[in-house]
Amino acid sequence: MSLAADAPNPAPTASAARRCWMGILARASRAEIASLLQAAPPLPAHRRLRGPETGLVMARGRQGGDGAPFNLGELTVTRCSITLDDGTVGHAYVAGRDAGQAEIAAVLDAALQDPGRQASLLAAVIEPLAAAQAARAARDAARAAATRVQFFTMATMR
C-alpha cells in the first residue's frame, strides 16, 4: 500500500502526506515500529523539546454524524516533541500511556520531513505499517459483515 493511496487526493501535498504518516504512526504500536526500524536506516540524533507527557483529551461525538456535538468521554493521550540537530521539529500524539511510542513517532515524523531520508523510511516503515493496518481493518470489516442481518426476507413473507 502506498502513502499516496491513503491520502484523500491523488497528488498529496506535503502537509497531506505528513498527516497520513502521522496517523499511521499513531495507530501503530511501539513493538511494530521497532521491528520495522531494525531493517531501516538509523534514525538521526535528537533532543526532546517537550515530553513525553501523558494527559487527557475530551473525545466528542455527533449523533448521526451531523447532530449537535456531545462529550463522549476522556481519552488518555501521550505527546512528544523533538528536534533534530538540523533544526527539524517532529511531533507525535498517541493514544495511551506509551512514552516510548510517542518519542519514536516524533523522531520518525522529523526524519520523514527530510527529503534525503523520506523515501527509505517510507518504504521500510510507513508503507508496511499502512499495509498491516489496512489488512486488520479489512479483517475486522469481514468479521462484522458476517453478522449482518438481511431484513428483505420479512417483506417477501407477506
Protein backbone atom coordinates (compact mmCIF):
# COMPACT_ATOMS: atom_id res chain seq x y z
CA MET A 1 0.00 0.00 0.00
CA SER A 2 1.40 3.34 -0.93
CA LEU A 3 1.24 6.54 1.02
CA ALA A 4 -0.46 8.26 -1.90
CA ALA A 5 -3.33 5.76 -1.77
CA ASP A 6 -4.12 6.76 1.82
CA ALA A 7 -4.30 10.47 1.07
CA PRO A 8 -7.61 11.99 0.00
CA ASN A 9 -6.39 13.32 -3.36
CA PRO A 10 -4.13 11.56 -5.89
CA ALA A 11 -1.25 14.08 -5.61
CA PRO A 12 -0.89 14.72 -1.88
CA THR A 13 0.70 17.92 -0.69
CA ALA A 14 3.49 17.82 1.88
CA SER A 15 1.04 18.51 4.70
CA ALA A 16 -1.36 15.79 3.50
CA ALA A 17 1.48 13.28 3.30
CA ARG A 18 2.66 14.27 6.77
CA ARG A 19 -0.87 13.96 8.16
CA CYS A 20 -1.06 10.50 6.62
CA TRP A 21 2.21 9.18 8.08
CA MET A 22 1.47 10.72 11.48
CA GLY A 23 -1.88 8.91 11.52
CA ILE A 24 -0.21 5.63 10.61
CA LEU A 25 2.41 6.08 13.36
CA ALA A 26 -0.26 7.00 15.93
CA ARG A 27 -2.17 3.77 15.22
CA ALA A 28 0.92 1.53 15.29
CA SER A 29 2.31 0.00 18.46
CA ARG A 30 5.86 0.63 19.64
CA ALA A 31 6.74 -3.03 19.00
CA GLU A 32 5.54 -2.83 15.38
CA ILE A 33 7.56 0.34 14.76
CA ALA A 34 10.68 -1.02 16.48
CA SER A 35 10.61 -4.27 14.49
CA LEU A 36 10.46 -2.35 11.20
CA LEU A 37 13.19 0.08 12.26
CA GLN A 38 15.68 -2.78 12.54
CA ALA A 39 15.81 -3.00 8.73
CA ALA A 40 15.62 0.78 8.20
CA PRO A 41 18.48 3.26 8.10
CA PRO A 42 19.46 4.57 11.55
CA LEU A 43 17.42 7.45 12.91
CA PRO A 44 19.21 10.77 13.45
CA ALA A 45 20.20 12.08 16.87
CA HIS A 46 17.52 14.17 18.52
CA ARG A 47 16.79 16.32 21.55
CA ARG A 48 13.48 16.48 23.40
CA LEU A 49 11.61 19.77 23.24
CA ARG A 50 8.55 18.63 25.20
CA GLY A 51 7.62 15.41 26.89
CA PRO A 52 6.80 12.70 26.51
CA GLU A 53 3.81 13.86 28.59
CA THR A 54 0.63 11.96 29.32
CA GLY A 55 -2.70 13.70 29.76
CA LEU A 56 -6.38 13.56 28.91
CA VAL A 57 -8.32 14.90 25.96
CA MET A 58 -12.09 15.07 25.64
CA ALA A 59 -13.47 12.88 22.87
CA ARG A 60 -16.53 14.46 21.25
CA GLY A 61 -19.15 12.95 19.02
CA ARG A 62 -22.14 13.94 16.94
CA GLN A 63 -25.30 11.90 16.76
CA GLY A 64 -25.82 10.79 13.19
CA GLY A 65 -22.57 12.46 12.20
CA ASP A 66 -24.10 15.91 11.83
CA GLY A 67 -26.12 16.47 15.00
CA ALA A 68 -25.24 18.62 17.98
CA PRO A 69 -21.84 17.76 19.48
CA PHE A 70 -21.70 15.98 22.82
CA ASN A 71 -18.86 14.90 25.14
CA LEU A 72 -18.31 11.19 24.68
CA GLY A 73 -15.61 10.73 27.33
CA GLU A 74 -11.96 11.29 28.11
CA LEU A 75 -9.09 9.61 26.29
CA THR A 76 -5.55 9.18 27.64
CA VAL A 77 -3.01 10.62 25.20
CA THR A 78 0.78 10.88 25.27
CA ARG A 79 2.51 13.64 23.30
CA CYS A 80 6.12 14.33 22.49
CA SER A 81 8.03 16.98 20.52
CA ILE A 82 11.65 16.59 19.47
CA THR A 83 14.18 18.46 17.36
CA LEU A 84 16.92 17.05 15.20
CA ASP A 85 20.42 18.51 15.03
CA ASP A 86 19.50 20.31 11.78
CA GLY A 87 16.56 22.09 13.49
CA THR A 88 13.73 19.96 12.07
CA VAL A 89 10.95 19.53 14.63
CA GLY A 90 8.85 16.37 14.96
CA HIS A 91 5.62 15.96 16.92
CA ALA A 92 3.53 12.95 17.92
CA TYR A 93 0.29 12.30 19.78
CA VAL A 94 -0.57 8.67 20.53
CA ALA A 95 -3.48 7.12 22.40
CA GLY A 96 -2.46 5.58 25.71
CA ARG A 97 0.48 5.97 28.04
CA ASP A 98 3.36 4.61 25.96
CA ALA A 99 6.00 7.35 26.19
CA GLY A 100 8.44 5.35 24.04
CA GLN A 101 5.92 5.08 21.23
CA ALA A 102 5.29 8.83 21.31
CA GLU A 103 9.01 9.64 21.22
CA ILE A 104 9.88 7.26 18.40
CA ALA A 105 6.87 8.52 16.39
CA ALA A 106 8.06 12.11 16.88
CA VAL A 107 11.60 11.19 15.74
CA LEU A 108 10.18 9.46 12.67
CA ASP A 109 7.98 12.48 11.94
CA ALA A 110 11.05 14.73 11.94
CA ALA A 111 13.16 12.29 9.92
CA LEU A 112 10.42 11.86 7.32
CA GLN A 113 10.42 15.61 6.69
CA ASP A 114 13.97 15.30 5.30
CA PRO A 115 13.79 14.54 1.55
CA GLY A 116 17.03 12.55 1.79
CA ARG A 117 15.61 10.13 4.35
CA GLN A 118 11.97 10.18 3.35
CA ALA A 119 11.91 7.57 0.57
CA SER A 120 13.83 4.93 2.53
CA LEU A 121 11.79 5.45 5.72
CA LEU A 122 8.50 5.39 3.81
CA ALA A 123 9.47 2.09 2.18
CA ALA A 124 10.93 0.49 5.31
CA VAL A 125 8.49 1.67 7.99
CA ILE A 126 5.40 3.60 6.91
CA GLU A 127 4.21 1.50 3.96
CA PRO A 128 4.48 -1.85 5.82
CA LEU A 129 2.62 -0.32 8.79
CA ALA A 130 -0.09 1.04 6.47
CA ALA A 131 -0.45 -2.36 4.78
CA ALA A 132 -0.77 -4.15 8.14
CA GLN A 133 -3.35 -1.62 9.36
CA ALA A 134 -5.36 -1.97 6.13
CA ALA A 135 -5.30 -5.77 6.45
CA ARG A 136 -6.55 -5.55 10.05
CA ALA A 137 -9.32 -3.16 9.01
CA ALA A 138 -10.38 -5.49 6.17
CA ARG A 139 -10.37 -8.48 8.51
CA ASP A 140 -12.48 -6.61 11.06
CA ALA A 141 -14.89 -5.44 8.35
CA ALA A 142 -15.28 -9.01 7.07
CA ARG A 143 -15.92 -10.27 10.58
CA ALA A 144 -18.57 -7.58 11.12
CA ALA A 145 -20.15 -8.25 7.70
CA ALA A 146 -20.62 -11.91 8.64
CA THR A 147 -23.06 -10.85 11.37
CA ARG A 148 -25.16 -8.68 9.06
CA VAL A 149 -28.88 -9.47 9.09
CA GLN A 150 -30.83 -9.29 5.81
CA PHE A 151 -34.27 -7.87 6.52
CA PHE A 152 -35.60 -8.10 2.96
CA THR A 153 -36.95 -11.58 3.70
CA MET A 154 -39.57 -10.09 6.03
CA ALA A 155 -41.10 -8.16 3.12
CA THR A 156 -41.29 -11.24 0.87
CA MET A 157 -43.07 -13.34 3.51
CA ARG A 158 -46.32 -11.37 3.23
